[in-house]
């Protein structure tokens, strides 16, 4: 999958968890949780949704590695090669 394919899906998932936000305005190095003012439960719900959407299983130890949009896109692209 490419970044152009992944980004709209991520935006949709973020919007579902945090409907009052504008995830499409995230910059590559923005911390997703902080920029969108998501609490840890919301972020966990996003990770679960992402796993379901992409058919992956993100180990808990990887949660801290996917904090920015750039990290997240790279993570999904690596897994979905």
PDB file of N, CA and C in Angstrom:
ATOM      1  N   UNK A   1       0.838  -1.194   0.000  1.00  0.00           N
ATOM      2  CA  UNK A   1       0.000   0.000   0.000  1.00  0.00           C
ATOM      3  C   UNK A   1       0.869   1.239   0.000  1.00  0.00           C
ATOM      4  N   UNK A   2       0.359   2.289  -0.595  1.00  0.00           N
ATOM      5  CA  UNK A   2       1.096   3.547  -0.649  1.00  0.00           C
ATOM      6  C   UNK A   2       0.548   4.524   0.389  1.00  0.00           C
ATOM      7  N   UNK A   3       1.316   5.567   0.620  1.00  0.00           N
ATOM      8  CA  UNK A   3       0.884   6.617   1.543  1.00  0.00           C
ATOM      9  C   UNK A   3      -0.444   7.222   1.085  1.00  0.00           C
ATOM     10  N   UNK A   4      -0.598   7.407  -0.219  1.00  0.00           N
ATOM     11  CA  UNK A   4      -1.835   7.985  -0.752  1.00  0.00           C
ATOM     12  C   UNK A   4      -3.045   7.084  -0.534  1.00  0.00           C
ATOM     13  N   UNK A   5      -2.816   5.796  -0.425  1.00  0.00           N
ATOM     14  CA  UNK A   5      -3.907   4.863  -0.143  1.00  0.00           C
ATOM     15  C   UNK A   5      -4.212   4.790   1.353  1.00  0.00           C
ATOM     16  N   UNK A   6      -3.168   4.899   2.160  1.00  0.00           N
ATOM     17  CA  UNK A   6      -3.305   4.747   3.618  1.00  0.00           C
ATOM     18  C   UNK A   6      -3.871   5.995   4.281  1.00  0.00           C
ATOM     19  N   UNK A   7      -3.424   7.157   3.852  1.00  0.00           N
ATOM     20  CA  UNK A   7      -3.789   8.420   4.517  1.00  0.00           C
ATOM     21  C   UNK A   7      -5.302   8.631   4.642  1.00  0.00           C
ATOM     22  N   UNK A   8      -6.107   8.445   3.591  1.00  0.00           N
ATOM     23  CA  UNK A   8      -7.556   8.653   3.758  1.00  0.00           C
ATOM     24  C   UNK A   8      -8.189   7.681   4.748  1.00  0.00           C
ATOM     25  N   UNK A   9      -7.671   6.475   4.811  1.00  0.00           N
ATOM     26  CA  UNK A   9      -8.194   5.489   5.760  1.00  0.00           C
ATOM     27  C   UNK A   9      -7.875   5.927   7.185  1.00  0.00           C
ATOM     28  N   UNK A  10      -6.652   6.390   7.403  1.00  0.00           N
ATOM     29  CA  UNK A  10      -6.263   6.879   8.732  1.00  0.00           C
ATOM     30  C   UNK A  10      -7.131   8.078   9.124  1.00  0.00           C
ATOM     31  N   UNK A  11      -7.324   8.991   8.189  1.00  0.00           N
ATOM     32  CA  UNK A  11      -8.170  10.159   8.475  1.00  0.00           C
ATOM     33  C   UNK A  11      -9.575   9.731   8.883  1.00  0.00           C
ATOM     34  N   UNK A  12     -10.127   8.766   8.156  1.00  0.00           N
ATOM     35  CA  UNK A  12     -11.480   8.273   8.450  1.00  0.00           C
ATOM     36  C   UNK A  12     -11.534   7.649   9.848  1.00  0.00           C
ATOM     37  N   UNK A  13     -10.528   6.855  10.186  1.00  0.00           N
ATOM     38  CA  UNK A  13     -10.497   6.202  11.493  1.00  0.00           C
ATOM     39  C   UNK A  13     -10.335   7.218  12.623  1.00  0.00           C
ATOM     40  N   UNK A  14      -9.472   8.208  12.415  1.00  0.00           N
ATOM     41  CA  UNK A  14      -9.290   9.248  13.425  1.00  0.00           C
ATOM     42  C   UNK A  14     -10.580  10.051  13.609  1.00  0.00           C
ATOM     43  N   UNK A  15     -11.249  10.356  12.518  1.00  0.00           N
ATOM     44  CA  UNK A  15     -12.499  11.114  12.567  1.00  0.00           C
ATOM     45  C   UNK A  15     -13.582  10.327  13.320  1.00  0.00           C
ATOM     46  N   UNK A  16     -13.562   9.010  13.163  1.00  0.00           N
ATOM     47  CA  UNK A  16     -14.534   8.161  13.850  1.00  0.00           C
ATOM     48  C   UNK A  16     -14.318   8.187  15.364  1.00  0.00           C
ATOM     49  N   UNK A  17     -13.064   8.167  15.789  1.00  0.00           N
ATOM     50  CA  UNK A  17     -12.731   8.159  17.213  1.00  0.00           C
ATOM     51  C   UNK A  17     -12.825   9.565  17.808  1.00  0.00           C
ATOM     52  N   UNK A  18     -12.437  10.561  17.040  1.00  0.00           N
ATOM     53  CA  UNK A  18     -12.436  11.953  17.515  1.00  0.00           C
ATOM     54  C   UNK A  18     -13.173  12.816  16.490  1.00  0.00           C
ATOM     55  N   UNK A  19     -14.504  12.749  16.480  1.00  0.00           N
ATOM     56  CA  UNK A  19     -15.289  13.405  15.429  1.00  0.00           C
ATOM     57  C   UNK A  19     -15.166  14.927  15.364  1.00  0.00           C
ATOM     58  N   UNK A  20     -14.772  15.553  16.448  1.00  0.00           N
ATOM     59  CA  UNK A  20     -14.678  17.008  16.465  1.00  0.00           C
ATOM     60  C   UNK A  20     -13.340  17.529  15.925  1.00  0.00           C
ATOM     61  N   UNK A  21     -12.489  16.618  15.465  1.00  0.00           N
ATOM     62  CA  UNK A  21     -11.152  17.005  14.995  1.00  0.00           C
ATOM     63  C   UNK A  21     -11.092  17.059  13.474  1.00  0.00           C
ATOM     64  N   UNK A  22      -9.960  17.554  12.975  1.00  0.00           N
ATOM     65  CA  UNK A  22      -9.716  17.623  11.531  1.00  0.00           C
ATOM     66  C   UNK A  22      -8.405  16.897  11.217  1.00  0.00           C
ATOM     67  N   UNK A  23      -8.438  15.565  11.204  1.00  0.00           N
ATOM     68  CA  UNK A  23      -7.196  14.804  10.995  1.00  0.00           C
ATOM     69  C   UNK A  23      -6.535  15.070   9.649  1.00  0.00           C
ATOM     70  N   UNK A  24      -7.302  15.517   8.660  1.00  0.00           N
ATOM     71  CA  UNK A  24      -6.712  15.794   7.350  1.00  0.00           C
ATOM     72  C   UNK A  24      -5.727  16.959   7.401  1.00  0.00           C
ATOM     73  N   UNK A  25      -5.743  17.734   8.479  1.00  0.00           N
ATOM     74  CA  UNK A  25      -4.819  18.865   8.624  1.00  0.00           C
ATOM     75  C   UNK A  25      -3.533  18.485   9.349  1.00  0.00           C
ATOM     76  N   UNK A  26      -3.408  17.223   9.764  1.00  0.00           N
ATOM     77  CA  UNK A  26      -2.191  16.780  10.441  1.00  0.00           C
ATOM     78  C   UNK A  26      -0.993  16.907   9.512  1.00  0.00           C
ATOM     79  N   UNK A  27       0.098  17.399  10.068  1.00  0.00           N
ATOM     80  CA  UNK A  27       1.365  17.465   9.340  1.00  0.00           C
ATOM     81  C   UNK A  27       2.151  16.192   9.667  1.00  0.00           C
ATOM     82  N   UNK A  28       3.107  15.820   8.822  1.00  0.00           N
ATOM     83  CA  UNK A  28       3.825  14.555   9.016  1.00  0.00           C
ATOM     84  C   UNK A  28       4.445  14.360  10.398  1.00  0.00           C
ATOM     85  N   UNK A  29       4.968  15.418  11.006  1.00  0.00           N
ATOM     86  CA  UNK A  29       5.640  15.257  12.291  1.00  0.00           C
ATOM     87  C   UNK A  29       4.781  15.656  13.489  1.00  0.00           C
ATOM     88  N   UNK A  30       3.507  15.906  13.269  1.00  0.00           N
ATOM     89  CA  UNK A  30       2.595  16.196  14.381  1.00  0.00           C
ATOM     90  C   UNK A  30       2.365  14.933  15.200  1.00  0.00           C
ATOM     91  N   UNK A  31       2.397  15.093  16.505  1.00  0.00           N
ATOM     92  CA  UNK A  31       2.019  14.001  17.387  1.00  0.00           C
ATOM     93  C   UNK A  31       0.501  13.865  17.290  1.00  0.00           C
ATOM     94  N   UNK A  32       0.023  12.746  16.810  1.00  0.00           N
ATOM     95  CA  UNK A  32      -1.400  12.564  16.546  1.00  0.00           C
ATOM     96  C   UNK A  32      -2.226  12.766  17.812  1.00  0.00           C
ATOM     97  N   UNK A  33      -1.845  12.096  18.870  1.00  0.00           N
ATOM     98  CA  UNK A  33      -2.615  12.150  20.110  1.00  0.00           C
ATOM     99  C   UNK A  33      -2.664  13.570  20.672  1.00  0.00           C
ATOM    100  N   UNK A  34      -1.546  14.251  20.699  1.00  0.00           N
ATOM    101  CA  UNK A  34      -1.504  15.609  21.240  1.00  0.00           C
ATOM    102  C   UNK A  34      -2.199  16.607  20.336  1.00  0.00           C
ATOM    103  N   UNK A  35      -1.924  16.556  19.045  1.00  0.00           N
ATOM    104  CA  UNK A  35      -2.485  17.525  18.106  1.00  0.00           C
ATOM    105  C   UNK A  35      -4.005  17.436  18.046  1.00  0.00           C
ATOM    106  N   UNK A  36      -4.528  16.230  18.114  1.00  0.00           N
ATOM    107  CA  UNK A  36      -5.980  16.055  18.050  1.00  0.00           C
ATOM    108  C   UNK A  36      -6.622  15.990  19.435  1.00  0.00           C
ATOM    109  N   UNK A  37      -5.827  16.227  20.484  1.00  0.00           N
ATOM    110  CA  UNK A  37      -6.310  16.233  21.873  1.00  0.00           C
ATOM    111  C   UNK A  37      -7.082  14.955  22.206  1.00  0.00           C
ATOM    112  N   UNK A  38      -6.469  13.832  21.842  1.00  0.00           N
ATOM    113  CA  UNK A  38      -7.072  12.531  22.124  1.00  0.00           C
ATOM    114  C   UNK A  38      -6.514  11.999  23.440  1.00  0.00           C
ATOM    115  N   UNK A  39      -7.379  11.429  24.258  1.00  0.00           N
ATOM    116  CA  UNK A  39      -6.861  10.788  25.456  1.00  0.00           C
ATOM    117  C   UNK A  39      -6.353   9.387  25.092  1.00  0.00           C
ATOM    118  N   UNK A  40      -5.756   8.721  26.048  1.00  0.00           N
ATOM    119  CA  UNK A  40      -5.145   7.426  25.746  1.00  0.00           C
ATOM    120  C   UNK A  40      -6.184   6.383  25.331  1.00  0.00           C
ATOM    121  N   UNK A  41      -7.390   6.455  25.870  1.00  0.00           N
ATOM    122  CA  UNK A  41      -8.440   5.519  25.468  1.00  0.00           C
ATOM    123  C   UNK A  41      -8.825   5.737  24.007  1.00  0.00           C
ATOM    124  N   UNK A  42      -8.987   7.001  23.605  1.00  0.00           N
ATOM    125  CA  UNK A  42      -9.303   7.301  22.207  1.00  0.00           C
ATOM    126  C   UNK A  42      -8.204   6.789  21.274  1.00  0.00           C
ATOM    127  N   UNK A  43      -6.957   7.002  21.683  1.00  0.00           N
ATOM    128  CA  UNK A  43      -5.847   6.561  20.834  1.00  0.00           C
ATOM    129  C   UNK A  43      -5.827   5.037  20.723  1.00  0.00           C
ATOM    130  N   UNK A  44      -6.113   4.349  21.820  1.00  0.00           N
ATOM    131  CA  UNK A  44      -6.189   2.894  21.794  1.00  0.00           C
ATOM    132  C   UNK A  44      -7.310   2.436  20.864  1.00  0.00           C
ATOM    133  N   UNK A  45      -8.449   3.116  20.919  1.00  0.00           N
ATOM    134  CA  UNK A  45      -9.558   2.779  20.019  1.00  0.00           C
ATOM    135  C   UNK A  45      -9.146   2.978  18.557  1.00  0.00           C
ATOM    136  N   UNK A  46      -8.381   4.016  18.305  1.00  0.00           N
ATOM    137  CA  UNK A  46      -7.878   4.251  16.955  1.00  0.00           C
ATOM    138  C   UNK A  46      -6.969   3.109  16.509  1.00  0.00           C
ATOM    139  N   UNK A  47      -6.042   2.689  17.370  1.00  0.00           N
ATOM    140  CA  UNK A  47      -5.121   1.593  17.034  1.00  0.00           C
ATOM    141  C   UNK A  47      -5.907   0.316  16.746  1.00  0.00           C
ATOM    142  N   UNK A  48      -6.908   0.021  17.562  1.00  0.00           N
ATOM    143  CA  UNK A  48      -7.740  -1.164  17.352  1.00  0.00           C
ATOM    144  C   UNK A  48      -8.459  -1.069  16.006  1.00  0.00           C
ATOM    145  N   UNK A  49      -9.022   0.097  15.706  1.00  0.00           N
ATOM    146  CA  UNK A  49      -9.693   0.305  14.426  1.00  0.00           C
ATOM    147  C   UNK A  49      -8.741   0.157  13.260  1.00  0.00           C
ATOM    148  N   UNK A  50      -7.530   0.673  13.428  1.00  0.00           N
ATOM    149  CA  UNK A  50      -6.520   0.567  12.384  1.00  0.00           C
ATOM    150  C   UNK A  50      -6.158  -0.898  12.146  1.00  0.00           C
ATOM    151  N   UNK A  51      -5.974  -1.640  13.223  1.00  0.00           N
ATOM    152  CA  UNK A  51      -5.663  -3.062  13.097  1.00  0.00           C
ATOM    153  C   UNK A  51      -6.754  -3.798  12.325  1.00  0.00           C
ATOM    154  N   UNK A  52      -8.004  -3.507  12.671  1.00  0.00           N
ATOM    155  CA  UNK A  52      -9.128  -4.161  11.994  1.00  0.00           C
ATOM    156  C   UNK A  52      -9.193  -3.760  10.521  1.00  0.00           C
ATOM    157  N   UNK A  53      -9.030  -2.484  10.255  1.00  0.00           N
ATOM    158  CA  UNK A  53      -9.128  -1.970   8.882  1.00  0.00           C
ATOM    159  C   UNK A  53      -8.045  -2.538   7.972  1.00  0.00           C
ATOM    160  N   UNK A  54      -6.815  -2.609   8.489  1.00  0.00           N
ATOM    161  CA  UNK A  54      -5.688  -3.047   7.673  1.00  0.00           C
ATOM    162  C   UNK A  54      -5.381  -4.543   7.822  1.00  0.00           C
ATOM    163  N   UNK A  55      -6.100  -5.221   8.717  1.00  0.00           N
ATOM    164  CA  UNK A  55      -5.852  -6.650   8.923  1.00  0.00           C
ATOM    165  C   UNK A  55      -4.497  -6.924   9.529  1.00  0.00           C
ATOM    166  N   UNK A  56      -4.096  -6.079  10.486  1.00  0.00           N
ATOM    167  CA  UNK A  56      -2.799  -6.242  11.143  1.00  0.00           C
ATOM    168  C   UNK A  56      -3.021  -6.389  12.644  1.00  0.00           C
ATOM    169  N   UNK A  57      -1.956  -6.682  13.362  1.00  0.00           N
ATOM    170  CA  UNK A  57      -1.991  -6.730  14.819  1.00  0.00           C
ATOM    171  C   UNK A  57      -0.813  -5.931  15.338  1.00  0.00           C
ATOM    172  N   UNK A  58      -1.097  -4.750  15.866  1.00  0.00           N
ATOM    173  CA  UNK A  58      -0.043  -3.886  16.385  1.00  0.00           C
ATOM    174  C   UNK A  58       0.274  -4.303  17.817  1.00  0.00           C
ATOM    175  N   UNK A  59       1.482  -4.794  18.072  1.00  0.00           N
ATOM    176  CA  UNK A  59       1.844  -5.160  19.438  1.00  0.00           C
ATOM    177  C   UNK A  59       1.874  -3.926  20.336  1.00  0.00           C
ATOM    178  N   UNK A  60       1.519  -4.116  21.582  1.00  0.00           N
ATOM    179  CA  UNK A  60       1.477  -2.995  22.531  1.00  0.00           C
ATOM    180  C   UNK A  60       2.811  -2.258  22.606  1.00  0.00           C
ATOM    181  N   UNK A  61       3.909  -2.988  22.478  1.00  0.00           N
ATOM    182  CA  UNK A  61       5.227  -2.332  22.562  1.00  0.00           C
ATOM    183  C   UNK A  61       5.491  -1.396  21.384  1.00  0.00           C
ATOM    184  N   UNK A  62       4.700  -1.508  20.308  1.00  0.00           N
ATOM    185  CA  UNK A  62       4.855  -0.607  19.161  1.00  0.00           C
ATOM    186  C   UNK A  62       4.039   0.677  19.285  1.00  0.00           C
ATOM    187  N   UNK A  63       3.119   0.756  20.234  1.00  0.00           N
ATOM    188  CA  UNK A  63       2.265   1.941  20.357  1.00  0.00           C
ATOM    189  C   UNK A  63       3.089   3.218  20.459  1.00  0.00           C
ATOM    190  N   UNK A  64       4.156   3.195  21.222  1.00  0.00           N
ATOM    191  CA  UNK A  64       4.997   4.366  21.401  1.00  0.00           C
ATOM    192  C   UNK A  64       5.828   4.714  20.183  1.00  0.00           C
ATOM    193  N   UNK A  65       5.888   3.806  19.218  1.00  0.00           N
ATOM    194  CA  UNK A  65       6.672   4.042  18.001  1.00  0.00           C
ATOM    195  C   UNK A  65       5.852   4.680  16.887  1.00  0.00           C
ATOM    196  N   UNK A  66       4.562   4.796  17.096  1.00  0.00           N
ATOM    197  CA  UNK A  66       3.695   5.331  16.037  1.00  0.00           C
ATOM    198  C   UNK A  66       2.909   6.542  16.552  1.00  0.00           C
ATOM    199  N   UNK A  67       3.645   7.526  17.014  1.00  0.00           N
ATOM    200  CA  UNK A  67       3.008   8.705  17.602  1.00  0.00           C
ATOM    201  C   UNK A  67       2.760   9.829  16.591  1.00  0.00           C
ATOM    202  N   UNK A  68       3.567   9.899  15.536  1.00  0.00           N
ATOM    203  CA  UNK A  68       3.366  10.953  14.540  1.00  0.00           C
ATOM    204  C   UNK A  68       2.726  10.354  13.292  1.00  0.00           C
ATOM    205  N   UNK A  69       2.204  11.200  12.463  1.00  0.00           N
ATOM    206  CA  UNK A  69       1.610  10.748  11.220  1.00  0.00           C
ATOM    207  C   UNK A  69       2.659  10.053  10.353  1.00  0.00           C
ATOM    208  N   UNK A  70       3.856  10.602  10.296  1.00  0.00           N
ATOM    209  CA  UNK A  70       4.950   9.994   9.523  1.00  0.00           C
ATOM    210  C   UNK A  70       5.252   8.589  10.046  1.00  0.00           C
ATOM    211  N   UNK A  71       5.344   8.451  11.382  1.00  0.00           N
ATOM    212  CA  UNK A  71       5.592   7.139  11.985  1.00  0.00           C
ATOM    213  C   UNK A  71       4.499   6.148  11.604  1.00  0.00           C
ATOM    214  N   UNK A  72       3.275   6.601  11.706  1.00  0.00           N
ATOM    215  CA  UNK A  72       2.127   5.738  11.452  1.00  0.00           C
ATOM    216  C   UNK A  72       2.077   5.272   9.998  1.00  0.00           C
ATOM    217  N   UNK A  73       2.263   6.203   9.080  1.00  0.00           N
ATOM    218  CA  UNK A  73       2.259   5.845   7.661  1.00  0.00           C
ATOM    219  C   UNK A  73       3.380   4.849   7.344  1.00  0.00           C
ATOM    220  N   UNK A  74       4.564   5.111   7.863  1.00  0.00           N
ATOM    221  CA  UNK A  74       5.696   4.208   7.648  1.00  0.00           C
ATOM    222  C   UNK A  74       5.446   2.834   8.238  1.00  0.00           C
ATOM    223  N   UNK A  75       4.848   2.804   9.409  1.00  0.00           N
ATOM    224  CA  UNK A  75       4.551   1.546  10.090  1.00  0.00           C
ATOM    225  C   UNK A  75       3.592   0.699   9.248  1.00  0.00           C
ATOM    226  N   UNK A  76       2.513   1.298   8.801  1.00  0.00           N
ATOM    227  CA  UNK A  76       1.523   0.563   8.007  1.00  0.00           C
ATOM    228  C   UNK A  76       2.113   0.139   6.671  1.00  0.00           C
ATOM    229  N   UNK A  77       2.858   1.032   6.009  1.00  0.00           N
ATOM    230  CA  UNK A  77       3.444   0.676   4.713  1.00  0.00           C
ATOM    231  C   UNK A  77       4.418  -0.492   4.850  1.00  0.00           C
ATOM    232  N   UNK A  78       5.183  -0.508   5.930  1.00  0.00           N
ATOM    233  CA  UNK A  78       6.142  -1.597   6.158  1.00  0.00           C
ATOM    234  C   UNK A  78       5.422  -2.927   6.345  1.00  0.00           C
ATOM    235  N   UNK A  79       4.338  -2.914   7.117  1.00  0.00           N
ATOM    236  CA  UNK A  79       3.605  -4.144   7.397  1.00  0.00           C
ATOM    237  C   UNK A  79       2.819  -4.615   6.174  1.00  0.00           C
ATOM    238  N   UNK A  80       2.297  -3.675   5.403  1.00  0.00           N
ATOM    239  CA  UNK A  80       1.428  -4.017   4.271  1.00  0.00           C
ATOM    240  C   UNK A  80       2.165  -4.123   2.941  1.00  0.00           C
ATOM    241  N   UNK A  81       3.464  -4.370   2.960  1.00  0.00           N
ATOM    242  CA  UNK A  81       4.248  -4.508   1.715  1.00  0.00           C
ATOM    243  C   UNK A  81       3.666  -5.580   0.837  1.00  0.00           C
TER     244      UNK A  81
END
